[in-house]
Amino acid sequence: MHLNSPHRALRAAACLAAAATLSACVTNTEGGNPDGWEPIVPGTVAEIAAMVPADVAADGTFTIGTNPPFAPFEFKDSKGELIGLELDLARALAGVMGLEYRPQEMDFALILPGVQSGSIDAGMSGFTDTEERRQSFDFVNFLTAGIQWATQPGTDVDPAHPCGLTAAVQRTTVSETDDVRPKSEECVANGEDPVTVLAFDTSDNAALAALVGRADALSADSPVTAWAVQRSGGKLELVGDMFDAAPYGIAVQKGSGLAPALAAAMQHLIDTGVYDRILEQWGVDSGHLTQAQINEQPYGAR
């Protein structure tokens, strides 16, 4: 899902076109955290720390597998440090559970097997909580997100009727498989021009294609699209409404006692306002949860 392919020519063109507006072109290879960002590390809550399974608590760390770049969830700053919304959330959850937060960069395809084998405690890398994945993992949900389109200002783009347009997507994401390609097939079935799909290995390169006009629009997960728009210096804008909403979740071993501990920690972050502050620091102002969930089911209903 988040494999690397630099597309150097496109990146160079986009850098010239966007100057500094995208902070080195969406990938944020200079700068890093948003303006006004500050680390939020809440203190340990004893009763929640007591819920952490012994095998996780043994080394005193909360180890997560993640795969940048997938801004604003996880990416690298100019020093090569892992930053992002999910990293901040992991740090805060670890603090509540009395653990030291430890991110581990991994190939995306190896994260869930790592969770299953126990080599890492959890997977936090933009995972959508799906019925298929729930057969093997539990998910502590932290956000509801959907698909959102963006385009250059002044263009006539309708995400519901994109026939004849060129749309940029990240390869194998739901934007490609469930949004743009099915719409293209529908266009052809109705005797209209298909959608030309530009599929890239990373979301940042898909955003760049829309930024420089190689594509008429970008289709991506709503927080990813919003992040690209915010960093574009006015060269991109959201178009249409978010649709096909689904939960993002933290993947842990199926049936593990870590899921309830994480959910309890998440509820503490929600109750204290830390959760909202973390998401808002990264420009995510919709899809917030008001109650912790495991596999979309409310945890600790009051």
C-alpha atoms as a PDB file:
ATOM      1  CA  MET A   1       0.000   0.000   0.000  1.00  0.00           C
ATOM      2  CA  HIS A   2       2.802   2.438   0.809  1.00  0.00           C
ATOM      3  CA  LEU A   3       5.630   1.267  -1.408  1.00  0.00           C
ATOM      4  CA  ASN A   4       8.180   3.836  -2.552  1.00  0.00           C
ATOM      5  CA  SER A   5       8.540   5.050  -6.149  1.00  0.00           C
ATOM      6  CA  PRO A   6      10.095   8.515  -6.424  1.00  0.00           C
ATOM      7  CA  HIS A   7       8.974   9.576  -9.923  1.00  0.00           C
ATOM      8  CA  ARG A   8      11.838  12.067  -9.936  1.00  0.00           C
ATOM      9  CA  ALA A   9      10.773  14.043 -13.001  1.00  0.00           C
ATOM     10  CA  LEU A  10       7.319  14.726 -11.612  1.00  0.00           C
ATOM     11  CA  ARG A  11       8.714  15.582  -8.195  1.00  0.00           C
ATOM     12  CA  ALA A  12      11.181  18.068  -9.692  1.00  0.00           C
ATOM     13  CA  ALA A  13       8.483  19.741 -11.749  1.00  0.00           C
ATOM     14  CA  ALA A  14       6.185  19.951  -8.766  1.00  0.00           C
ATOM     15  CA  CYS A  15       8.897  21.476  -6.607  1.00  0.00           C
ATOM     16  CA  LEU A  16       9.451  24.208  -9.171  1.00  0.00           C
ATOM     17  CA  ALA A  17       5.739  24.856  -9.504  1.00  0.00           C
ATOM     18  CA  ALA A  18       4.937  24.824  -5.820  1.00  0.00           C
ATOM     19  CA  ALA A  19       8.118  26.492  -4.535  1.00  0.00           C
ATOM     20  CA  ALA A  20       8.059  26.048  -0.763  1.00  0.00           C
ATOM     21  CA  THR A  21       4.304  25.721  -0.383  1.00  0.00           C
ATOM     22  CA  LEU A  22       4.231  21.955  -0.034  1.00  0.00           C
ATOM     23  CA  SER A  23       7.221  21.859   2.301  1.00  0.00           C
ATOM     24  CA  ALA A  24       9.390  20.073  -0.266  1.00  0.00           C
ATOM     25  CA  CYS A  25       6.469  18.724  -2.170  1.00  0.00           C
ATOM     26  CA  VAL A  26       3.988  16.951   0.058  1.00  0.00           C
ATOM     27  CA  THR A  27       6.484  14.400   1.359  1.00  0.00           C
ATOM     28  CA  ASN A  28       7.711  17.066   3.797  1.00  0.00           C
ATOM     29  CA  THR A  29      11.402  16.378   3.409  1.00  0.00           C
ATOM     30  CA  GLU A  30      12.096  19.724   5.027  1.00  0.00           C
ATOM     31  CA  GLY A  31      10.376  21.146   8.056  1.00  0.00           C
ATOM     32  CA  GLY A  32       8.141  18.533   9.577  1.00  0.00           C
ATOM     33  CA  ASN A  33       5.509  19.003  12.239  1.00  0.00           C
ATOM     34  CA  PRO A  34       2.763  21.542  11.518  1.00  0.00           C
ATOM     35  CA  ASP A  35       2.949  25.101  12.828  1.00  0.00           C
ATOM     36  CA  GLY A  36       1.949  25.216  16.469  1.00  0.00           C
ATOM     37  CA  TRP A  37       2.622  21.512  16.992  1.00  0.00           C
ATOM     38  CA  GLU A  38       3.716  20.413  20.439  1.00  0.00           C
ATOM     39  CA  PRO A  39       4.361  16.941  21.866  1.00  0.00           C
ATOM     40  CA  ILE A  40       1.577  15.665  24.079  1.00  0.00           C
ATOM     41  CA  VAL A  41       2.622  12.962  26.534  1.00  0.00           C
ATOM     42  CA  PRO A  42       0.006  12.302  29.233  1.00  0.00           C
ATOM     43  CA  GLY A  43       0.949  10.680  32.508  1.00  0.00           C
ATOM     44  CA  THR A  44       0.437   7.039  33.411  1.00  0.00           C
ATOM     45  CA  VAL A  45      -3.006   5.992  34.597  1.00  0.00           C
ATOM     46  CA  ALA A  46      -2.391   3.176  37.088  1.00  0.00           C
ATOM     47  CA  GLU A  47      -5.608   1.238  36.526  1.00  0.00           C
ATOM     48  CA  ILE A  48      -5.060   1.271  32.757  1.00  0.00           C
ATOM     49  CA  ALA A  49      -1.394   0.312  33.091  1.00  0.00           C
ATOM     50  CA  ALA A  50      -2.545  -2.671  35.160  1.00  0.00           C
ATOM     51  CA  MET A  51      -4.606  -3.867  32.158  1.00  0.00           C
ATOM     52  CA  VAL A  52      -1.558  -4.194  29.885  1.00  0.00           C
ATOM     53  CA  PRO A  53      -0.779  -7.877  29.216  1.00  0.00           C
ATOM     54  CA  ALA A  54       2.327  -9.178  30.967  1.00  0.00           C
ATOM     55  CA  ASP A  55       4.123 -10.015  27.716  1.00  0.00           C
ATOM     56  CA  VAL A  56       3.741  -6.416  26.523  1.00  0.00           C
ATOM     57  CA  ALA A  57       4.585  -4.857  29.880  1.00  0.00           C
ATOM     58  CA  ALA A  58       7.665  -7.072  30.340  1.00  0.00           C
ATOM     59  CA  ASP A  59      10.045  -4.861  28.349  1.00  0.00           C
ATOM     60  CA  GLY A  60       8.272  -1.626  29.231  1.00  0.00           C
ATOM     61  CA  THR A  61       7.726  -0.609  25.611  1.00  0.00           C
ATOM     62  CA  PHE A  62       4.823  -0.216  23.215  1.00  0.00           C
ATOM     63  CA  THR A  63       6.339  -1.194  19.867  1.00  0.00           C
ATOM     64  CA  ILE A  64       4.419  -0.285  16.739  1.00  0.00           C
ATOM     65  CA  GLY A  65       5.093  -1.129  13.113  1.00  0.00           C
ATOM     66  CA  THR A  66       4.595   1.707  10.630  1.00  0.00           C
ATOM     67  CA  ASN A  67       5.392   2.407   6.988  1.00  0.00           C
ATOM     68  CA  PRO A  68       6.009   5.978   5.804  1.00  0.00           C
ATOM     69  CA  PRO A  69       5.258   8.017   3.777  1.00  0.00           C
ATOM     70  CA  PHE A  70       1.516   8.329   4.355  1.00  0.00           C
ATOM     71  CA  ALA A  71       1.087  11.923   5.528  1.00  0.00           C
ATOM     72  CA  PRO A  72      -0.344  13.090   7.815  1.00  0.00           C
ATOM     73  CA  PHE A  73      -0.404   9.685   9.531  1.00  0.00           C
ATOM     74  CA  GLU A  74       3.285   8.814   9.254  1.00  0.00           C
ATOM     75  CA  PHE A  75       6.196  10.270   7.330  1.00  0.00           C
ATOM     76  CA  LYS A  76       9.745  11.540   7.924  1.00  0.00           C
ATOM     77  CA  ASP A  77      11.039  15.005   8.671  1.00  0.00           C
ATOM     78  CA  SER A  78      14.220  16.518   7.228  1.00  0.00           C
ATOM     79  CA  LYS A  79      16.284  14.674   9.841  1.00  0.00           C
ATOM     80  CA  GLY A  80      14.794  11.307   8.945  1.00  0.00           C
ATOM     81  CA  GLU A  81      12.762  11.122  12.141  1.00  0.00           C
ATOM     82  CA  LEU A  82       9.381   9.408  12.033  1.00  0.00           C
ATOM     83  CA  ILE A  83       6.571  11.878  12.695  1.00  0.00           C
ATOM     84  CA  GLY A  84       2.835  12.064  12.096  1.00  0.00           C
ATOM     85  CA  LEU A  85      -0.612  11.775  13.604  1.00  0.00           C
ATOM     86  CA  GLU A  86      -0.425   8.056  14.345  1.00  0.00           C
ATOM     87  CA  LEU A  87       3.016   8.441  15.886  1.00  0.00           C
ATOM     88  CA  ASP A  88       1.739  11.172  18.213  1.00  0.00           C
ATOM     89  CA  LEU A  89      -1.269   9.053  19.104  1.00  0.00           C
ATOM     90  CA  ALA A  90       0.930   6.010  19.805  1.00  0.00           C
ATOM     91  CA  ARG A  91       3.149   8.107  22.069  1.00  0.00           C
ATOM     92  CA  ALA A  92       0.149   9.365  24.052  1.00  0.00           C
ATOM     93  CA  LEU A  93      -1.393   5.894  24.367  1.00  0.00           C
ATOM     94  CA  ALA A  94       1.921   4.477  25.543  1.00  0.00           C
ATOM     95  CA  GLY A  95       2.158   7.213  28.179  1.00  0.00           C
ATOM     96  CA  VAL A  96      -1.268   6.380  29.591  1.00  0.00           C
ATOM     97  CA  MET A  97      -0.358   2.671  29.712  1.00  0.00           C
ATOM     98  CA  GLY A  98       2.936   3.403  31.479  1.00  0.00           C
ATOM     99  CA  LEU A  99       5.038   2.251  28.526  1.00  0.00           C
ATOM    100  CA  GLU A 100       7.780   3.766  26.399  1.00  0.00           C
ATOM    101  CA  TYR A 101       6.687   4.394  22.835  1.00  0.00           C
ATOM    102  CA  ARG A 102       8.894   2.721  20.202  1.00  0.00           C
ATOM    103  CA  PRO A 103       8.093   3.060  16.477  1.00  0.00           C
ATOM    104  CA  GLN A 104       9.605   0.590  14.034  1.00  0.00           C
ATOM    105  CA  GLU A 105       9.706   1.357  10.323  1.00  0.00           C
ATOM    106  CA  MET A 106       8.708  -1.707   8.307  1.00  0.00           C
ATOM    107  CA  ASP A 107       7.613  -2.774   4.868  1.00  0.00           C
ATOM    108  CA  PHE A 108       3.845  -2.365   4.854  1.00  0.00           C
ATOM    109  CA  ALA A 109       3.272  -5.996   3.896  1.00  0.00           C
ATOM    110  CA  LEU A 110       5.236  -7.171   6.955  1.00  0.00           C
ATOM    111  CA  ILE A 111       3.403  -5.174   9.617  1.00  0.00           C
ATOM    112  CA  LEU A 112       0.376  -7.408  10.173  1.00  0.00           C
ATOM    113  CA  PRO A 113       2.497 -10.600  10.093  1.00  0.00           C
ATOM    114  CA  GLY A 114       4.736  -8.902  12.682  1.00  0.00           C
ATOM    115  CA  VAL A 115       1.715  -8.281  14.903  1.00  0.00           C
ATOM    116  CA  GLN A 116       0.601 -11.878  14.448  1.00  0.00           C
ATOM    117  CA  SER A 117       4.023 -13.272  15.346  1.00  0.00           C
ATOM    118  CA  GLY A 118       4.417 -10.970  18.345  1.00  0.00           C
ATOM    119  CA  SER A 119       7.575  -9.289  17.076  1.00  0.00           C
ATOM    120  CA  ILE A 120       5.732  -5.966  17.396  1.00  0.00           C
ATOM    121  CA  ASP A 121       2.852  -5.068  19.684  1.00  0.00           C
ATOM    122  CA  ALA A 122       0.647  -3.254  17.179  1.00  0.00           C
ATOM    123  CA  GLY A 123       0.351  -2.013  13.621  1.00  0.00           C
ATOM    124  CA  MET A 124      -0.295   1.704  13.107  1.00  0.00           C
ATOM    125  CA  SER A 125       0.029   2.585   9.439  1.00  0.00           C
ATOM    126  CA  GLY A 126      -3.269   3.843   8.069  1.00  0.00           C
ATOM    127  CA  PHE A 127      -5.013   0.472   8.484  1.00  0.00           C
ATOM    128  CA  THR A 128      -8.676   0.389   7.552  1.00  0.00           C
ATOM    129  CA  ASP A 129     -10.644  -1.820   9.930  1.00  0.00           C
ATOM    130  CA  THR A 130     -12.341  -4.316   7.611  1.00  0.00           C
ATOM    131  CA  GLU A 131     -14.377  -7.458   8.212  1.00  0.00           C
ATOM    132  CA  GLU A 132     -11.734  -9.516   6.431  1.00  0.00           C
ATOM    133  CA  ARG A 133      -8.919  -8.225   8.632  1.00  0.00           C
ATOM    134  CA  ARG A 134     -11.012  -8.734  11.769  1.00  0.00           C
ATOM    135  CA  GLN A 135     -10.887 -12.465  11.144  1.00  0.00           C
ATOM    136  CA  SER A 136      -7.226 -12.390  12.204  1.00  0.00           C
ATOM    137  CA  PHE A 137      -6.795  -9.153  14.180  1.00  0.00           C
ATOM    138  CA  ASP A 138      -8.603  -6.857  16.581  1.00  0.00           C
ATOM    139  CA  PHE A 139      -8.717  -3.151  15.783  1.00  0.00           C
ATOM    140  CA  VAL A 140      -8.865  -0.329  18.291  1.00  0.00           C
ATOM    141  CA  ASN A 141     -10.492   2.370  16.193  1.00  0.00           C
ATOM    142  CA  PHE A 142      -9.288   5.959  16.291  1.00  0.00           C
ATOM    143  CA  LEU A 143     -10.865   7.769  13.322  1.00  0.00           C
ATOM    144  CA  THR A 144     -13.585   7.548  10.726  1.00  0.00           C
ATOM    145  CA  ALA A 145     -12.366   8.562   7.279  1.00  0.00           C
ATOM    146  CA  GLY A 146     -13.675   8.331   3.747  1.00  0.00           C
ATOM    147  CA  ILE A 147     -12.674   9.173   0.201  1.00  0.00           C
ATOM    148  CA  GLN A 148     -12.213  12.841  -0.689  1.00  0.00           C
ATOM    149  CA  TRP A 149     -11.323  14.460  -4.001  1.00  0.00           C
ATOM    150  CA  ALA A 150      -9.193  17.547  -4.596  1.00  0.00           C
ATOM    151  CA  THR A 151      -8.457  19.580  -7.695  1.00  0.00           C
ATOM    152  CA  GLN A 152      -6.874  22.829  -8.778  1.00  0.00           C
ATOM    153  CA  PRO A 153      -9.079  25.883  -8.074  1.00  0.00           C
ATOM    154  CA  GLY A 154     -11.357  26.941 -10.887  1.00  0.00           C
ATOM    155  CA  THR A 155     -11.632  23.534 -12.513  1.00  0.00           C
ATOM    156  CA  ASP A 156     -14.955  21.878 -13.269  1.00  0.00           C
ATOM    157  CA  VAL A 157     -14.653  18.496 -11.543  1.00  0.00           C
ATOM    158  CA  ASP A 158     -17.538  16.434 -10.213  1.00  0.00           C
ATOM    159  CA  PRO A 159     -16.320  13.363  -8.256  1.00  0.00           C
ATOM    160  CA  ALA A 160     -19.687  11.700  -8.877  1.00  0.00           C
ATOM    161  CA  HIS A 161     -19.293  12.074 -12.650  1.00  0.00           C
ATOM    162  CA  PRO A 162     -15.600  12.064 -13.630  1.00  0.00           C
ATOM    163  CA  CYS A 163     -16.019  10.642 -17.153  1.00  0.00           C
ATOM    164  CA  GLY A 164     -13.247  11.832 -19.460  1.00  0.00           C
ATOM    165  CA  LEU A 165     -11.084  13.176 -16.637  1.00  0.00           C
ATOM    166  CA  THR A 166      -7.669  12.036 -15.418  1.00  0.00           C
ATOM    167  CA  ALA A 167      -7.617  11.059 -11.737  1.00  0.00           C
ATOM    168  CA  ALA A 168      -4.531  10.446  -9.602  1.00  0.00           C
ATOM    169  CA  VAL A 169      -4.640   7.758  -6.905  1.00  0.00           C
ATOM    170  CA  GLN A 170      -2.319   5.732  -4.720  1.00  0.00           C
ATOM    171  CA  ARG A 171      -2.020   2.278  -6.207  1.00  0.00           C
ATOM    172  CA  THR A 172      -4.218  -0.496  -4.704  1.00  0.00           C
ATOM    173  CA  THR A 173      -5.970   1.846  -2.255  1.00  0.00           C
ATOM    174  CA  VAL A 174      -9.767   2.001  -2.125  1.00  0.00           C
ATOM    175  CA  SER A 175      -9.561   5.206  -4.151  1.00  0.00           C
ATOM    176  CA  GLU A 176      -8.302   3.132  -7.062  1.00  0.00           C
ATOM    177  CA  THR A 177     -10.148  -0.157  -6.533  1.00  0.00           C
ATOM    178  CA  ASP A 178     -13.486   1.032  -5.131  1.00  0.00           C
ATOM    179  CA  ASP A 179     -13.794   4.592  -6.416  1.00  0.00           C
ATOM    180  CA  VAL A 180     -12.087   5.641  -9.628  1.00  0.00           C
ATOM    181  CA  ARG A 181     -11.919   2.396 -11.610  1.00  0.00           C
ATOM    182  CA  PRO A 182     -15.562   1.384 -10.952  1.00  0.00           C
ATOM    183  CA  LYS A 183     -16.658   4.892 -11.942  1.00  0.00           C
ATOM    184  CA  SER A 184     -14.605   4.596 -15.129  1.00  0.00           C
ATOM    185  CA  GLU A 185     -16.283   1.284 -15.953  1.00  0.00           C
ATOM    186  CA  GLU A 186     -19.676   2.900 -15.383  1.00  0.00           C
ATOM    187  CA  CYS A 187     -18.734   5.733 -17.739  1.00  0.00           C
ATOM    188  CA  VAL A 188     -17.854   3.256 -20.483  1.00  0.00           C
ATOM    189  CA  ALA A 189     -21.051   1.275 -19.873  1.00  0.00           C
ATOM    190  CA  ASN A 190     -23.009   4.490 -20.386  1.00  0.00           C
ATOM    191  CA  GLY A 191     -21.237   5.268 -23.638  1.00  0.00           C
ATOM    192  CA  GLU A 192     -19.049   8.008 -22.156  1.00  0.00           C
ATOM    193  CA  ASP A 193     -15.283   8.439 -22.068  1.00  0.00           C
ATOM    194  CA  PRO A 194     -13.465   6.432 -19.372  1.00  0.00           C
ATOM    195  CA  VAL A 195     -11.519   7.940 -16.507  1.00  0.00           C
ATOM    196  CA  THR A 196      -7.797   7.898 -17.128  1.00  0.00           C
ATOM    197  CA  VAL A 197      -6.288   6.515 -13.931  1.00  0.00           C
ATOM    198  CA  LEU A 198      -2.804   7.624 -12.881  1.00  0.00           C
ATOM    199  CA  ALA A 199      -1.819   5.186 -10.131  1.00  0.00           C
ATOM    200  CA  PHE A 200       1.260   5.965  -8.039  1.00  0.00           C
ATOM    201  CA  ASP A 201       3.051   3.962  -5.380  1.00  0.00           C
ATOM    202  CA  THR A 202       2.692   6.747  -2.789  1.00  0.00           C
ATOM    203  CA  SER A 203      -0.038   9.223  -1.930  1.00  0.00           C
ATOM    204  CA  ASP A 204       2.368  12.160  -2.131  1.00  0.00           C
ATOM    205  CA  ASN A 205       3.133  11.476  -5.785  1.00  0.00           C
ATOM    206  CA  ALA A 206      -0.580  11.205  -6.543  1.00  0.00           C
ATOM    207  CA  ALA A 207      -1.090  14.620  -4.936  1.00  0.00           C
ATOM    208  CA  LEU A 208       1.797  16.043  -6.966  1.00  0.00           C
ATOM    209  CA  ALA A 209       0.161  14.909 -10.185  1.00  0.00           C
ATOM    210  CA  ALA A 210      -2.936  16.946  -9.348  1.00  0.00           C
ATOM    211  CA  LEU A 211      -0.822  19.859  -8.105  1.00  0.00           C
ATOM    212  CA  VAL A 212       1.059  20.301 -11.388  1.00  0.00           C
ATOM    213  CA  GLY A 213      -1.923  19.552 -13.632  1.00  0.00           C
ATOM    214  CA  ARG A 214      -0.833  16.144 -14.843  1.00  0.00           C
ATOM    215  CA  ALA A 215      -4.124  14.901 -13.381  1.00  0.00           C
ATOM    216  CA  ASP A 216      -7.441  16.733 -13.213  1.00  0.00           C
ATOM    217  CA  ALA A 217      -8.014  15.553  -9.647  1.00  0.00           C
ATOM    218  CA  LEU A 218      -6.739  13.542  -6.712  1.00  0.00           C
ATOM    219  CA  SER A 219      -8.798  10.824  -5.036  1.00  0.00           C
ATOM    220  CA  ALA A 220      -7.470   9.697  -1.638  1.00  0.00           C
ATOM    221  CA  ASP A 221      -8.407   9.029   1.976  1.00  0.00           C
ATOM    222  CA  SER A 222      -9.989  12.203   3.341  1.00  0.00           C
ATOM    223  CA  PRO A 223      -7.222  13.089   5.858  1.00  0.00           C
ATOM    224  CA  VAL A 224      -4.573  12.497   3.181  1.00  0.00           C
ATOM    225  CA  THR A 225      -6.387  14.754   0.721  1.00  0.00           C
ATOM    226  CA  ALA A 226      -6.946  17.421   3.369  1.00  0.00           C
ATOM    227  CA  TRP A 227      -3.241  17.351   4.265  1.00  0.00           C
ATOM    228  CA  ALA A 228      -2.195  17.787   0.628  1.00  0.00           C
ATOM    229  CA  VAL A 229      -4.609  20.701   0.221  1.00  0.00           C
ATOM    230  CA  GLN A 230      -3.352  22.387   3.386  1.00  0.00           C
ATOM    231  CA  ARG A 231       0.255  22.102   2.213  1.00  0.00           C
ATOM    232  CA  SER A 232      -0.437  23.224  -1.359  1.00  0.00           C
ATOM    233  CA  GLY A 233      -0.451  26.974  -0.740  1.00  0.00           C
ATOM    234  CA  GLY A 234      -3.831  27.351  -2.403  1.00  0.00           C
ATOM    235  CA  LYS A 235      -2.922  25.334  -5.479  1.00  0.00           C
ATOM    236  CA  LEU A 236      -5.334  22.534  -4.542  1.00  0.00           C
ATOM    237  CA  GLU A 237      -8.808  22.625  -3.026  1.00  0.00           C
ATOM    238  CA  LEU A 238     -11.285  20.046  -1.804  1.00  0.00           C
ATOM    239  CA  VAL A 239     -14.138  19.267  -4.166  1.00  0.00           C
ATOM    240  CA  GLY A 240     -17.339  17.395  -3.356  1.00  0.00           C
ATOM    241  CA  ASP A 241     -18.155  15.691  -0.071  1.00  0.00           C
ATOM    242  CA  MET A 242     -16.379  12.843   1.697  1.00  0.00           C
ATOM    243  CA  PHE A 243     -17.965   9.472   0.902  1.00  0.00           C
ATOM    244  CA  ASP A 244     -17.602   5.755   1.686  1.00  0.00           C
ATOM    245  CA  ALA A 245     -16.578   6.423   5.293  1.00  0.00           C
ATOM    246  CA  ALA A 246     -14.810   3.597   7.156  1.00  0.00           C
ATOM    247  CA  PRO A 247     -12.893   3.260  10.443  1.00  0.00           C
ATOM    248  CA  TYR A 248      -9.141   3.445  10.814  1.00  0.00           C
ATOM    249  CA  GLY A 249      -7.761   1.212  13.541  1.00  0.00           C
ATOM    250  CA  ILE A 250      -4.733   0.070  15.511  1.00  0.00           C
ATOM    251  CA  ALA A 251      -4.151  -3.612  14.705  1.00  0.00           C
ATOM    252  CA  VAL A 252      -3.336  -6.004  17.565  1.00  0.00           C
ATOM    253  CA  GLN A 253      -3.371  -9.780  17.976  1.00  0.00           C
ATOM    254  CA  LYS A 254      -6.840 -11.300  17.877  1.00  0.00           C
ATOM    255  CA  GLY A 255      -8.181 -11.905  21.376  1.00  0.00           C
ATOM    256  CA  SER A 256      -5.214 -10.213  23.004  1.00  0.00           C
ATOM    257  CA  GLY A 257      -5.655  -8.347  26.265  1.00  0.00           C
ATOM    258  CA  LEU A 258      -3.870  -5.439  24.602  1.00  0.00           C
ATOM    259  CA  ALA A 259      -7.010  -4.354  22.743  1.00  0.00           C
ATOM    260  CA  PRO A 260      -8.988  -3.553  25.947  1.00  0.00           C
ATOM    261  CA  ALA A 261      -5.958  -1.796  27.452  1.00  0.00           C
ATOM    262  CA  LEU A 262      -5.535   0.332  24.339  1.00  0.00           C
ATOM    263  CA  ALA A 263      -9.252   1.072  24.190  1.00  0.00           C
ATOM    264  CA  ALA A 264      -9.227   2.151  27.851  1.00  0.00           C
ATOM    265  CA  ALA A 265      -6.229   4.381  27.119  1.00  0.00           C
ATOM    266  CA  MET A 266      -8.008   5.784  24.060  1.00  0.00           C
ATOM    267  CA  GLN A 267     -11.073   6.565  26.147  1.00  0.00           C
ATOM    268  CA  HIS A 268      -8.867   8.400  28.626  1.00  0.00           C
ATOM    269  CA  LEU A 269      -7.413  10.491  25.779  1.00  0.00           C
ATOM    270  CA  ILE A 270     -10.936  11.235  24.528  1.00  0.00           C
ATOM    271  CA  ASP A 271     -12.223  12.188  27.984  1.00  0.00           C
ATOM    272  CA  THR A 272      -9.275  14.487  28.699  1.00  0.00           C
ATOM    273  CA  GLY A 273      -9.334  16.210  25.310  1.00  0.00           C
ATOM    274  CA  VAL A 274      -5.876  14.949  24.352  1.00  0.00           C
ATOM    275  CA  TYR A 275      -7.292  12.874  21.497  1.00  0.00           C
ATOM    276  CA  ASP A 276      -8.967  15.877  19.841  1.00  0.00           C
ATOM    277  CA  ARG A 277      -5.837  18.004  20.316  1.00  0.00           C
ATOM    278  CA  ILE A 278      -3.634  15.443  18.580  1.00  0.00           C
ATOM    279  CA  LEU A 279      -5.938  15.090  15.577  1.00  0.00           C
ATOM    280  CA  GLU A 280      -6.489  18.817  15.280  1.00  0.00           C
ATOM    281  CA  GLN A 281      -2.742  19.508  15.362  1.00  0.00           C
ATOM    282  CA  TRP A 282      -2.546  17.493  12.153  1.00  0.00           C
ATOM    283  CA  GLY A 283      -5.466  19.284  10.520  1.00  0.00           C
ATOM    284  CA  VAL A 284      -7.932  16.412  10.962  1.00  0.00           C
ATOM    285  CA  ASP A 285     -11.103  18.105  12.139  1.00  0.00           C
ATOM    286  CA  SER A 286     -13.698  15.523  11.116  1.00  0.00           C
ATOM    287  CA  GLY A 287     -14.285  11.839  11.802  1.00  0.00           C
ATOM    288  CA  HIS A 288     -13.343  12.128  15.488  1.00  0.00           C
ATOM    289  CA  LEU A 289     -14.672   9.465  17.859  1.00  0.00           C
ATOM    290  CA  THR A 290     -16.560  10.326  21.039  1.00  0.00           C
ATOM    291  CA  GLN A 291     -16.146   6.840  22.491  1.00  0.00           C
ATOM    292  CA  ALA A 292     -13.393   4.246  22.200  1.00  0.00           C
ATOM    293  CA  GLN A 293     -14.173   1.281  19.964  1.00  0.00           C
ATOM    294  CA  ILE A 294     -12.871  -2.207  19.305  1.00  0.00           C
ATOM    295  CA  ASN A 295     -13.843  -3.513  15.875  1.00  0.00           C
ATOM    296  CA  GLU A 296     -16.371  -0.655  15.592  1.00  0.00           C
ATOM    297  CA  GLN A 297     -18.118  -1.744  18.803  1.00  0.00           C
ATOM    298  CA  PRO A 298     -18.227   0.793  21.677  1.00  0.00           C
ATOM    299  CA  TYR A 299     -15.860  -0.031  24.507  1.00  0.00           C
ATOM    300  CA  GLY A 300     -16.853   0.651  28.104  1.00  0.00           C
ATOM    301  CA  ALA A 301     -20.280   2.145  27.341  1.00  0.00           C
ATOM    302  CA  ARG A 302     -21.405   4.528  30.035  1.00  0.00           C
END
